[in-house]
N, C-alpha and C. Protein backbone atom coordinates (compact mmCIF):
# COMPACT_ATOMS: atom_id res chain seq x y z
N UNK A 1 18.08 -7.19 -7.79
CA UNK A 1 16.98 -6.24 -7.74
C UNK A 1 16.16 -6.36 -9.02
N UNK A 2 14.87 -6.33 -8.87
CA UNK A 2 13.95 -6.46 -10.01
C UNK A 2 13.82 -5.12 -10.72
N UNK A 3 13.89 -5.16 -12.04
CA UNK A 3 13.69 -3.94 -12.81
C UNK A 3 12.23 -3.53 -12.76
N UNK A 4 12.00 -2.24 -12.85
CA UNK A 4 10.64 -1.71 -12.81
C UNK A 4 9.77 -2.35 -13.90
N UNK A 5 10.31 -2.47 -15.10
CA UNK A 5 9.54 -3.06 -16.20
C UNK A 5 9.12 -4.49 -15.89
N UNK A 6 9.94 -5.23 -15.17
CA UNK A 6 9.59 -6.60 -14.79
C UNK A 6 8.60 -6.60 -13.62
N UNK A 7 8.79 -5.67 -12.71
CA UNK A 7 7.93 -5.59 -11.53
C UNK A 7 6.48 -5.33 -11.93
N UNK A 8 6.26 -4.42 -12.86
CA UNK A 8 4.89 -4.08 -13.22
C UNK A 8 4.19 -5.18 -14.01
N UNK A 9 4.91 -6.19 -14.38
CA UNK A 9 4.31 -7.34 -15.07
C UNK A 9 3.86 -8.41 -14.10
N UNK A 10 4.10 -8.21 -12.83
CA UNK A 10 3.74 -9.20 -11.81
C UNK A 10 2.37 -8.89 -11.20
N UNK A 11 1.49 -9.87 -11.18
CA UNK A 11 0.17 -9.66 -10.57
C UNK A 11 0.26 -9.22 -9.11
N UNK A 12 1.23 -9.74 -8.40
CA UNK A 12 1.38 -9.40 -6.98
C UNK A 12 1.61 -7.91 -6.78
N UNK A 13 2.33 -7.28 -7.69
CA UNK A 13 2.58 -5.84 -7.61
C UNK A 13 1.27 -5.07 -7.68
N UNK A 14 0.44 -5.44 -8.65
CA UNK A 14 -0.82 -4.72 -8.84
C UNK A 14 -1.81 -5.02 -7.73
N UNK A 15 -1.84 -6.25 -7.26
CA UNK A 15 -2.72 -6.60 -6.15
C UNK A 15 -2.36 -5.78 -4.93
N UNK A 16 -1.09 -5.72 -4.63
CA UNK A 16 -0.65 -4.95 -3.47
C UNK A 16 -0.89 -3.45 -3.66
N UNK A 17 -0.68 -2.96 -4.86
CA UNK A 17 -0.92 -1.55 -5.15
C UNK A 17 -2.38 -1.19 -4.91
N UNK A 18 -3.29 -2.02 -5.41
CA UNK A 18 -4.72 -1.76 -5.25
C UNK A 18 -5.12 -1.92 -3.80
N UNK A 19 -4.62 -2.95 -3.14
CA UNK A 19 -4.94 -3.14 -1.73
C UNK A 19 -4.45 -1.96 -0.90
N UNK A 20 -3.27 -1.46 -1.20
CA UNK A 20 -2.73 -0.30 -0.48
C UNK A 20 -3.59 0.94 -0.72
N UNK A 21 -4.05 1.12 -1.94
CA UNK A 21 -4.90 2.27 -2.24
C UNK A 21 -6.24 2.16 -1.53
N UNK A 22 -6.82 0.97 -1.51
CA UNK A 22 -8.07 0.77 -0.79
C UNK A 22 -7.86 1.06 0.70
N UNK A 23 -6.75 0.59 1.25
CA UNK A 23 -6.42 0.87 2.65
C UNK A 23 -6.36 2.38 2.89
N UNK A 24 -5.66 3.09 2.00
CA UNK A 24 -5.55 4.55 2.15
C UNK A 24 -6.92 5.22 2.06
N UNK A 25 -7.72 4.77 1.13
CA UNK A 25 -9.05 5.36 0.96
C UNK A 25 -9.93 5.13 2.19
N UNK A 26 -9.93 3.90 2.71
CA UNK A 26 -10.75 3.58 3.88
C UNK A 26 -10.23 4.34 5.10
N UNK A 27 -8.93 4.36 5.28
CA UNK A 27 -8.34 5.06 6.42
C UNK A 27 -8.71 6.54 6.40
N UNK A 28 -8.61 7.16 5.25
CA UNK A 28 -8.97 8.57 5.12
C UNK A 28 -10.45 8.78 5.43
N UNK A 29 -11.29 7.89 4.91
CA UNK A 29 -12.73 7.99 5.15
C UNK A 29 -13.04 7.88 6.64
N UNK A 30 -12.43 6.90 7.29
CA UNK A 30 -12.66 6.73 8.72
C UNK A 30 -12.24 7.97 9.49
N UNK A 31 -11.07 8.49 9.17
CA UNK A 31 -10.56 9.67 9.86
C UNK A 31 -11.44 10.89 9.60
N UNK A 32 -11.78 11.13 8.33
CA UNK A 32 -12.58 12.30 7.96
C UNK A 32 -13.98 12.26 8.58
N UNK A 33 -14.49 11.05 8.81
CA UNK A 33 -15.84 10.91 9.34
C UNK A 33 -15.86 10.48 10.81
N UNK A 34 -14.67 10.49 11.42
CA UNK A 34 -14.53 10.15 12.83
C UNK A 34 -15.21 8.81 13.16
N UNK A 35 -14.90 7.81 12.34
CA UNK A 35 -15.49 6.48 12.51
C UNK A 35 -14.43 5.47 12.95
N UNK A 36 -14.87 4.49 13.72
CA UNK A 36 -14.03 3.34 14.02
C UNK A 36 -14.32 2.26 12.98
N UNK A 37 -13.49 1.24 12.94
CA UNK A 37 -13.75 0.12 12.04
C UNK A 37 -15.07 -0.55 12.39
N UNK A 38 -15.40 -0.59 13.66
CA UNK A 38 -16.66 -1.19 14.10
C UNK A 38 -17.85 -0.40 13.56
N UNK A 39 -17.80 0.92 13.70
CA UNK A 39 -18.88 1.76 13.18
C UNK A 39 -18.98 1.63 11.66
N UNK A 40 -17.83 1.59 11.01
CA UNK A 40 -17.79 1.46 9.56
C UNK A 40 -18.40 0.13 9.12
N UNK A 41 -18.09 -0.94 9.84
CA UNK A 41 -18.64 -2.24 9.48
C UNK A 41 -20.16 -2.24 9.62
N UNK A 42 -20.67 -1.57 10.65
CA UNK A 42 -22.13 -1.46 10.82
C UNK A 42 -22.74 -0.65 9.69
N UNK A 43 -22.06 0.41 9.29
CA UNK A 43 -22.53 1.25 8.18
C UNK A 43 -22.61 0.44 6.89
N UNK A 44 -21.64 -0.43 6.68
CA UNK A 44 -21.61 -1.25 5.47
C UNK A 44 -22.50 -2.48 5.56
N UNK A 45 -22.87 -2.86 6.76
CA UNK A 45 -23.66 -4.07 6.95
C UNK A 45 -22.83 -5.32 6.81
N UNK A 46 -21.57 -5.22 7.22
CA UNK A 46 -20.65 -6.37 7.18
C UNK A 46 -20.07 -6.57 8.57
N UNK A 47 -19.38 -7.68 8.73
CA UNK A 47 -18.77 -7.95 10.02
C UNK A 47 -17.54 -7.07 10.24
N UNK A 48 -17.21 -6.88 11.50
CA UNK A 48 -16.00 -6.14 11.85
C UNK A 48 -14.78 -6.88 11.28
N UNK A 49 -14.87 -8.21 11.27
CA UNK A 49 -13.78 -9.02 10.72
C UNK A 49 -13.53 -8.73 9.25
N UNK A 50 -14.61 -8.49 8.50
CA UNK A 50 -14.45 -8.18 7.08
C UNK A 50 -13.69 -6.87 6.91
N UNK A 51 -14.08 -5.86 7.66
CA UNK A 51 -13.38 -4.57 7.57
C UNK A 51 -11.92 -4.75 7.98
N UNK A 52 -11.68 -5.57 8.98
CA UNK A 52 -10.31 -5.86 9.41
C UNK A 52 -9.53 -6.51 8.27
N UNK A 53 -10.15 -7.43 7.56
CA UNK A 53 -9.49 -8.08 6.42
C UNK A 53 -9.15 -7.07 5.34
N UNK A 54 -10.08 -6.17 5.06
CA UNK A 54 -9.83 -5.12 4.06
C UNK A 54 -8.62 -4.29 4.48
N UNK A 55 -8.59 -3.92 5.75
CA UNK A 55 -7.50 -3.08 6.24
C UNK A 55 -6.15 -3.80 6.23
N UNK A 56 -6.20 -5.12 6.30
CA UNK A 56 -4.97 -5.91 6.27
C UNK A 56 -4.59 -6.32 4.84
N UNK A 57 -5.47 -6.03 3.88
CA UNK A 57 -5.20 -6.44 2.50
C UNK A 57 -5.51 -7.89 2.25
N UNK A 58 -6.36 -8.48 3.07
CA UNK A 58 -6.68 -9.91 2.96
C UNK A 58 -8.13 -10.07 2.49
N UNK A 59 -8.43 -9.60 1.29
CA UNK A 59 -9.81 -9.64 0.83
C UNK A 59 -9.88 -9.84 -0.67
N UNK A 60 -11.00 -10.32 -1.12
CA UNK A 60 -11.38 -10.47 -2.53
C UNK A 60 -10.23 -10.88 -3.45
N UNK A 61 -9.82 -12.08 -3.33
CA UNK A 61 -8.72 -12.55 -4.18
C UNK A 61 -9.12 -12.73 -5.62
N UNK A 62 -10.40 -12.57 -5.95
CA UNK A 62 -10.78 -12.58 -7.36
C UNK A 62 -10.20 -11.36 -8.07
N UNK A 63 -9.86 -10.34 -7.33
CA UNK A 63 -9.19 -9.18 -7.88
C UNK A 63 -7.86 -9.59 -8.51
N UNK A 64 -7.19 -10.53 -7.90
CA UNK A 64 -5.93 -11.02 -8.45
C UNK A 64 -6.14 -11.63 -9.83
N UNK A 65 -7.24 -12.33 -10.00
CA UNK A 65 -7.54 -12.92 -11.31
C UNK A 65 -7.73 -11.83 -12.36
N UNK A 66 -8.41 -10.75 -11.99
CA UNK A 66 -8.58 -9.63 -12.90
C UNK A 66 -7.22 -9.08 -13.32
N UNK A 67 -6.34 -8.94 -12.38
CA UNK A 67 -5.01 -8.42 -12.65
C UNK A 67 -4.24 -9.38 -13.56
N UNK A 68 -4.30 -10.66 -13.26
CA UNK A 68 -3.60 -11.65 -14.08
C UNK A 68 -4.09 -11.62 -15.53
N UNK A 69 -5.40 -11.55 -15.70
CA UNK A 69 -5.97 -11.50 -17.05
C UNK A 69 -5.57 -10.22 -17.77
N UNK A 70 -5.59 -9.11 -17.07
CA UNK A 70 -5.20 -7.84 -17.67
C UNK A 70 -3.76 -7.88 -18.14
N UNK A 71 -2.88 -8.37 -17.29
CA UNK A 71 -1.46 -8.45 -17.66
C UNK A 71 -1.25 -9.41 -18.81
N UNK A 72 -2.05 -10.47 -18.84
CA UNK A 72 -1.93 -11.46 -19.92
C UNK A 72 -2.24 -10.86 -21.28
N UNK A 73 -3.10 -9.84 -21.31
CA UNK A 73 -3.43 -9.19 -22.59
C UNK A 73 -2.68 -7.87 -22.77
N UNK A 74 -1.63 -7.68 -21.98
CA UNK A 74 -0.77 -6.51 -22.14
C UNK A 74 -1.36 -5.22 -21.59
N UNK A 75 -2.28 -5.32 -20.64
CA UNK A 75 -2.91 -4.15 -20.03
C UNK A 75 -2.66 -4.16 -18.54
N UNK A 76 -2.87 -3.01 -17.92
CA UNK A 76 -2.83 -2.93 -16.46
C UNK A 76 -4.13 -2.31 -15.99
N UNK A 77 -4.71 -2.84 -14.93
CA UNK A 77 -5.94 -2.23 -14.42
C UNK A 77 -5.60 -0.93 -13.70
N UNK A 78 -6.45 0.06 -13.90
CA UNK A 78 -6.26 1.35 -13.23
C UNK A 78 -7.56 1.68 -12.50
N UNK A 79 -7.44 1.88 -11.22
CA UNK A 79 -8.60 2.25 -10.42
C UNK A 79 -8.38 3.68 -9.95
N UNK A 80 -9.37 4.50 -10.20
CA UNK A 80 -9.30 5.89 -9.78
C UNK A 80 -10.42 6.12 -8.78
N UNK A 81 -10.06 6.60 -7.62
CA UNK A 81 -11.05 6.92 -6.60
C UNK A 81 -11.39 8.40 -6.72
N UNK A 82 -12.64 8.65 -7.05
CA UNK A 82 -13.10 10.02 -7.20
C UNK A 82 -14.27 10.24 -6.26
N UNK A 83 -14.47 11.48 -5.84
CA UNK A 83 -15.64 11.77 -5.02
C UNK A 83 -16.92 11.45 -5.79
N UNK A 84 -17.90 10.90 -5.10
CA UNK A 84 -19.15 10.53 -5.73
C UNK A 84 -19.78 11.73 -6.44
N UNK A 85 -19.73 12.90 -5.81
CA UNK A 85 -20.32 14.10 -6.41
C UNK A 85 -19.72 14.41 -7.77
N UNK A 86 -18.43 14.19 -7.93
CA UNK A 86 -17.76 14.47 -9.19
C UNK A 86 -18.28 13.55 -10.28
N UNK A 87 -18.50 12.30 -9.97
CA UNK A 87 -19.01 11.33 -10.94
C UNK A 87 -20.45 11.67 -11.31
N UNK A 88 -21.25 12.00 -10.34
CA UNK A 88 -22.65 12.34 -10.60
C UNK A 88 -22.74 13.56 -11.48
N UNK A 89 -21.96 14.61 -11.19
CA UNK A 89 -21.98 15.82 -11.99
C UNK A 89 -21.56 15.55 -13.43
N UNK A 90 -20.54 14.71 -13.61
CA UNK A 90 -20.05 14.38 -14.94
C UNK A 90 -21.12 13.67 -15.75
N UNK A 91 -21.84 12.74 -15.12
CA UNK A 91 -22.86 11.97 -15.82
C UNK A 91 -24.08 12.83 -16.18
N UNK A 92 -24.35 13.86 -15.41
CA UNK A 92 -25.52 14.70 -15.65
C UNK A 92 -25.26 15.84 -16.64
N UNK A 93 -24.04 16.00 -17.08
CA UNK A 93 -23.74 17.11 -18.01
C UNK A 93 -24.09 16.74 -19.43
């Protein structure tokens, strides 16, 4: 079994973590807005296949490079999903 300290040093861990979070965020958005993947793809102006890839975690492998570089310098990337309104309010204060 891999120790937690070793696991968090692996790019694959962070790639999967981010992909899982993106999946959760998209799934919640679709549910909250009563959208299908097809409707969502039209809203984004992308193919249904692209949305399917996002949902399967098969997208933007340049993200892996970001993770590898971050780990190489002793850092971990942290992505926080916040409501757009919260960000706008913070910037305007």
